[in-house]
C-alpha atoms as a PDB file:
ATOM      1  CA  MET A   1       0.605 -14.419  -8.453  1.00  0.00           C
ATOM      2  CA  VAL A   2      -1.746 -11.999  -6.739  1.00  0.00           C
ATOM      3  CA  ARG A   3      -1.934  -8.578  -8.341  1.00  0.00           C
ATOM      4  CA  ILE A   4      -3.883  -5.366  -7.757  1.00  0.00           C
ATOM      5  CA  ALA A   5      -7.441  -5.261  -9.132  1.00  0.00           C
ATOM      6  CA  SER A   6      -8.326  -1.790  -7.815  1.00  0.00           C
ATOM      7  CA  ALA A   7      -6.834   0.912  -5.640  1.00  0.00           C
ATOM      8  CA  SER A   8      -7.955   4.161  -4.083  1.00  0.00           C
ATOM      9  CA  ALA A   9      -6.239   6.677  -1.832  1.00  0.00           C
ATOM     10  CA  GLU A  10      -7.584   7.454   1.615  1.00  0.00           C
ATOM     11  CA  PRO A  11      -6.573  10.205   4.047  1.00  0.00           C
ATOM     12  CA  GLY A  12      -3.284   9.707   5.879  1.00  0.00           C
ATOM     13  CA  TYR A  13      -1.478   8.099   2.919  1.00  0.00           C
ATOM     14  CA  VAL A  14      -3.472   4.894   3.091  1.00  0.00           C
ATOM     15  CA  LEU A  15      -4.266   2.782   0.038  1.00  0.00           C
ATOM     16  CA  ALA A  16      -7.476   0.762  -0.055  1.00  0.00           C
ATOM     17  CA  LEU A  17      -6.692  -2.222  -2.258  1.00  0.00           C
ATOM     18  CA  THR A  18      -8.603  -5.058  -3.854  1.00  0.00           C
ATOM     19  CA  PHE A  19      -6.530  -7.949  -5.135  1.00  0.00           C
ATOM     20  CA  THR A  20      -7.049 -10.343  -8.023  1.00  0.00           C
ATOM     21  CA  ASP A  21      -7.622 -13.218  -5.569  1.00  0.00           C
ATOM     22  CA  GLY A  22     -10.693 -11.413  -4.200  1.00  0.00           C
ATOM     23  CA  THR A  23      -9.091 -10.248  -0.952  1.00  0.00           C
ATOM     24  CA  ALA A  24      -9.068  -6.609   0.095  1.00  0.00           C
ATOM     25  CA  GLY A  25      -7.223  -4.541   2.641  1.00  0.00           C
ATOM     26  CA  ARG A  26      -5.581  -1.262   3.511  1.00  0.00           C
ATOM     27  CA  VAL A  27      -1.903  -0.342   3.563  1.00  0.00           C
ATOM     28  CA  ASN A  28      -0.568   2.730   5.343  1.00  0.00           C
ATOM     29  CA  LEU A  29       2.305   4.250   3.362  1.00  0.00           C
ATOM     30  CA  ALA A  30       2.847   7.374   5.475  1.00  0.00           C
ATOM     31  CA  HIS A  31       6.327   6.153   6.488  1.00  0.00           C
ATOM     32  CA  LEU A  32       7.474   6.575   2.853  1.00  0.00           C
ATOM     33  CA  VAL A  33       6.271  10.148   2.307  1.00  0.00           C
ATOM     34  CA  GLY A  34       9.121  12.493   1.432  1.00  0.00           C
ATOM     35  CA  LYS A  35      11.743   9.758   1.050  1.00  0.00           C
ATOM     36  CA  GLY A  36      13.529   9.441  -2.303  1.00  0.00           C
ATOM     37  CA  VAL A  37      11.094   8.987  -5.181  1.00  0.00           C
ATOM     38  CA  PHE A  38       8.231   9.365  -2.714  1.00  0.00           C
ATOM     39  CA  ALA A  39       8.983  13.081  -2.209  1.00  0.00           C
ATOM     40  CA  ALA A  40       6.150  13.812  -4.647  1.00  0.00           C
ATOM     41  CA  TRP A  41       3.710  12.322  -2.122  1.00  0.00           C
ATOM     42  CA  ARG A  42       4.166  15.392   0.075  1.00  0.00           C
ATOM     43  CA  ASP A  43       1.359  16.733  -2.092  1.00  0.00           C
ATOM     44  CA  PRO A  44      -1.700  14.740  -0.990  1.00  0.00           C
ATOM     45  CA  ALA A  45      -3.331  15.409  -4.381  1.00  0.00           C
ATOM     46  CA  PHE A  46      -0.424  13.640  -6.082  1.00  0.00           C
ATOM     47  CA  PHE A  47      -0.784  10.627  -3.793  1.00  0.00           C
ATOM     48  CA  ALA A  48      -4.542  10.612  -4.474  1.00  0.00           C
ATOM     49  CA  GLY A  49      -3.761  10.164  -8.182  1.00  0.00           C
ATOM     50  CA  VAL A  50      -2.866   6.496  -7.659  1.00  0.00           C
ATOM     51  CA  GLN A  51      -3.697   4.237 -10.581  1.00  0.00           C
ATOM     52  CA  VAL A  52      -3.446   0.543 -11.370  1.00  0.00           C
ATOM     53  CA  ASP A  53      -1.074  -0.164 -14.239  1.00  0.00           C
ATOM     54  CA  PRO A  54      -3.018  -2.352 -16.698  1.00  0.00           C
ATOM     55  CA  LYS A  55       0.092  -4.331 -17.690  1.00  0.00           C
ATOM     56  CA  THR A  56       1.854  -4.942 -14.355  1.00  0.00           C
ATOM     57  CA  ARG A  57      -1.346  -4.841 -12.243  1.00  0.00           C
ATOM     58  CA  THR A  58       0.264  -2.849  -9.457  1.00  0.00           C
ATOM     59  CA  VAL A  59      -0.256   0.653  -8.122  1.00  0.00           C
ATOM     60  CA  CYS A  60       1.573   3.490  -9.840  1.00  0.00           C
ATOM     61  CA  TRP A  61       1.904   7.261 -10.005  1.00  0.00           C
ATOM     62  CA  PRO A  62       3.353   9.619 -12.630  1.00  0.00           C
ATOM     63  CA  GLY A  63       7.130   9.702 -12.801  1.00  0.00           C
ATOM     64  CA  GLY A  64       7.568   5.946 -12.690  1.00  0.00           C
ATOM     65  CA  ILE A  65       6.616   5.444  -9.040  1.00  0.00           C
ATOM     66  CA  ASP A  66       5.232   1.970  -8.385  1.00  0.00           C
ATOM     67  CA  LEU A  67       5.116  -0.555  -5.567  1.00  0.00           C
ATOM     68  CA  ASP A  68       5.571  -4.322  -5.475  1.00  0.00           C
ATOM     69  CA  PRO A  69       2.132  -5.988  -5.485  1.00  0.00           C
ATOM     70  CA  ASP A  70       3.407  -8.980  -3.472  1.00  0.00           C
ATOM     71  CA  VAL A  71       4.613  -6.685  -0.690  1.00  0.00           C
ATOM     72  CA  LEU A  72       1.341  -4.729  -0.747  1.00  0.00           C
ATOM     73  CA  HIS A  73      -0.662  -7.942  -0.504  1.00  0.00           C
ATOM     74  CA  ALA A  74       1.417  -9.228   2.407  1.00  0.00           C
ATOM     75  CA  ARG A  75       1.106  -5.929   4.279  1.00  0.00           C
ATOM     76  CA  ALA A  76      -2.633  -5.670   3.621  1.00  0.00           C
ATOM     77  CA  MET A  77      -3.173  -9.234   4.870  1.00  0.00           C
ATOM     78  CA  GLY A  78      -0.808  -8.879   7.853  1.00  0.00           C
ATOM     79  CA  LYS A  79       1.406 -11.677   6.547  1.00  0.00           C
ATOM     80  CA  PRO A  80       5.203 -11.875   6.458  1.00  0.00           C
ATOM     81  CA  LEU A  81       6.753  -9.938   3.612  1.00  0.00           C
ATOM     82  CA  PRO A  82       8.092 -12.030   0.733  1.00  0.00           C
ATOM     83  CA  GLY A  83      11.587 -13.258   1.598  1.00  0.00           C
ATOM     84  CA  THR A  84      11.241 -12.434   5.323  1.00  0.00           C
ATOM     85  CA  ASP A  85       9.537 -13.795   8.380  1.00  0.00           C
ATOM     86  CA  SER A  86       8.171 -10.419   9.462  1.00  0.00           C
ATOM     87  CA  ALA A  87       5.037  -8.497   8.473  1.00  0.00           C
ATOM     88  CA  ALA A  88       6.512  -5.343  10.034  1.00  0.00           C
ATOM     89  CA  ALA A  89       9.423  -4.838   7.651  1.00  0.00           C
END
């Protein structure tokens, strides 16, 4: 299982990620801003507060916001999302 080793926020709601398998990539999350639990991301400073949860090894923000590390890895590597045959989902 590949998990997140480090994460940092970049302008435009992009995460720069390094994974536990040594790969690295960027994931644009702008399409989520303002939707449901991601409403807090309307404040770029909130988004910039991304952290890596030491237990689950995925990205997280205050309020219980987190993202699936397998999906992030697939998107960062341009591979099909888990359970699909499309990297665009």
